[in-house]
Protein backbone atom coordinates (compact mmCIF):
# COMPACT_ATOMS: atom_id res chain seq x y z
CA UNK A 1 9.13 -4.25 43.16
CA UNK A 2 11.60 -5.95 40.99
CA UNK A 3 12.22 -7.35 37.92
CA UNK A 4 14.06 -9.99 36.45
CA UNK A 5 15.98 -9.55 33.07
CA UNK A 6 16.03 -12.74 31.26
CA UNK A 7 18.73 -11.42 28.96
CA UNK A 8 19.02 -11.00 25.19
CA UNK A 9 17.39 -7.86 25.20
CA UNK A 10 13.91 -6.25 25.02
CA UNK A 11 11.58 -8.82 23.72
CA UNK A 12 9.30 -7.70 20.47
CA UNK A 13 6.05 -5.88 21.51
CA UNK A 14 3.12 -5.45 18.80
CA UNK A 15 4.54 -2.17 18.46
CA UNK A 16 8.01 -2.89 17.49
CA UNK A 17 6.47 -5.37 15.21
CA UNK A 18 4.16 -2.66 13.44
CA UNK A 19 7.18 -0.50 13.31
CA UNK A 20 9.46 -2.82 11.43
CA UNK A 21 6.28 -3.69 9.00
CA UNK A 22 5.63 0.25 8.31
CA UNK A 23 9.20 0.71 7.41
CA UNK A 24 9.34 -2.28 5.02
CA UNK A 25 9.97 -2.51 1.21
CA UNK A 26 6.83 -4.11 0.82
CA UNK A 27 4.36 -1.77 2.89
CA UNK A 28 6.10 1.09 0.94
CA UNK A 29 5.11 -0.58 -2.36
CA UNK A 30 1.76 -1.14 -1.07
CA UNK A 31 1.15 2.36 -0.06
CA UNK A 32 2.62 3.30 -3.33
CA UNK A 33 -0.03 1.00 -5.25
CA UNK A 34 -2.74 2.41 -3.23
CA UNK A 35 -1.89 5.84 -4.10
CA UNK A 36 -1.25 5.29 -7.60
CA UNK A 37 -4.89 4.29 -8.13
CA UNK A 38 -7.17 6.39 -5.43
CA UNK A 39 -5.29 9.50 -5.99
CA UNK A 40 -6.06 9.71 -9.83
CA UNK A 41 -9.43 8.27 -9.50
CA UNK A 42 -10.37 10.68 -6.65
CA UNK A 43 -9.26 13.49 -9.16
CA UNK A 44 -11.22 12.13 -12.05
CA UNK A 45 -14.41 11.63 -10.07
CA UNK A 46 -14.43 15.00 -8.55
CA UNK A 47 -13.70 16.77 -11.93
CA UNK A 48 -16.53 14.84 -13.40
CA UNK A 49 -18.73 16.12 -10.61
CA UNK A 50 -17.69 19.68 -10.65
CA UNK A 51 -18.71 19.42 -14.16
CA UNK A 52 -22.22 18.21 -13.55
CA UNK A 53 -22.53 20.79 -10.77
CA UNK A 54 -21.49 23.68 -13.04
CA UNK A 55 -23.40 22.38 -15.91
CA UNK A 56 -26.77 22.38 -13.71
CA UNK A 57 -26.04 25.89 -12.28
CA UNK A 58 -24.37 27.67 -15.47
CA UNK A 59 -25.82 25.54 -18.58
CA UNK A 60 -29.71 25.44 -17.82
CA UNK A 61 -30.92 25.28 -21.37
CA UNK A 62 -28.55 22.24 -21.78
CA UNK A 63 -28.92 20.36 -18.99
CA UNK A 64 -33.03 21.04 -19.68
CA UNK A 65 -32.76 19.51 -23.38
CA UNK A 66 -35.42 16.82 -23.26
CA UNK A 67 -33.55 13.30 -24.60
CA UNK A 68 -36.90 11.36 -24.69
CA UNK A 69 -40.28 12.10 -23.13
CA UNK A 70 -39.78 13.56 -19.61
CA UNK A 71 -36.12 12.44 -19.37
CA UNK A 72 -33.50 15.23 -19.78
CA UNK A 73 -29.50 15.68 -20.01
CA UNK A 74 -29.36 16.94 -16.37
CA UNK A 75 -31.28 13.70 -15.37
CA UNK A 76 -29.20 11.59 -17.32
CA UNK A 77 -25.80 13.09 -15.75
CA UNK A 78 -27.31 12.84 -12.35
CA UNK A 79 -27.86 9.07 -12.65
CA UNK A 80 -24.38 8.55 -14.58
CA UNK A 81 -22.96 9.86 -11.47
CA UNK A 82 -24.30 6.79 -9.74
CA UNK A 83 -23.24 4.52 -12.30
CA UNK A 84 -19.69 5.96 -12.39
CA UNK A 85 -19.27 5.41 -8.77
CA UNK A 86 -20.25 1.55 -9.17
CA UNK A 87 -18.01 1.51 -12.27
CA UNK A 88 -15.10 3.13 -10.14
CA UNK A 89 -16.01 0.69 -7.27
CA UNK A 90 -15.90 -2.10 -9.57
CA UNK A 91 -12.32 -0.81 -10.77
CA UNK A 92 -10.96 -0.86 -7.33
CA UNK A 93 -12.08 -4.21 -6.42
CA UNK A 94 -10.43 -5.52 -9.45
CA UNK A 95 -7.22 -3.60 -8.97
CA UNK A 96 -6.92 -4.51 -5.18
CA UNK A 97 -7.17 -8.04 -5.80
CA UNK A 98 -4.34 -7.67 -8.68
CA UNK A 99 -1.99 -5.35 -7.12
CA UNK A 100 -2.80 -4.82 -3.37
CA UNK A 101 -4.05 -7.94 -1.92
CA UNK A 102 -0.88 -10.09 -2.84
CA UNK A 103 1.26 -7.35 -1.03
CA UNK A 104 -0.78 -7.05 1.78
CA UNK A 105 -0.86 -10.96 2.32
CA UNK A 106 2.46 -11.25 2.51
CA UNK A 107 2.76 -8.36 5.06
CA UNK A 108 0.20 -10.03 7.25
CA UNK A 109 2.29 -13.13 6.81
CA UNK A 110 5.52 -11.70 7.83
CA UNK A 111 3.84 -9.67 10.59
CA UNK A 112 1.86 -13.28 12.07
CA UNK A 113 5.23 -15.09 11.82
CA UNK A 114 7.08 -12.14 13.97
CA UNK A 115 3.91 -12.50 16.41
CA UNK A 116 4.07 -16.62 16.49
CA UNK A 117 8.28 -15.84 17.00
CA UNK A 118 7.40 -13.33 19.87
CA UNK A 119 5.18 -16.10 22.07
CA UNK A 120 7.36 -19.05 21.33
C-alpha cells in the first residue's frame, strides 16, 4: 500500500481547524463572556433556591403565614421559583443575542471559510 504525497504539508483536517478555532482570541472571548453570565446567575439562583428550602424547613411559621385566602408565603415563594427560572431564561436569551451570538457567528464564519479553503 503506497500513498502519494502531493507536497505542501498535511492538509487541514476538521480537527486542526477546530484546534485553531478553539485557540483563537474570539473563542476565548466567547467562553469568557458566557462564564461571566452563567456562573453569577447560577450562584444567585442556587442561593435563592437554598433560601426557599431553608425557610420551608426551619421557618414553618413564616412560610405558613396566610397572605389571602388559602395562599400562604410558602406557596408564593414556591411559585416565584418558576417565575425566576423564566426571568433568568429571558435574561440569558437577551444577553446571548447581544453579547454571545455576534462572536459565535464570527467564529462560525471563520471555521466555514477554513473548511471551504480545505475543500478547494
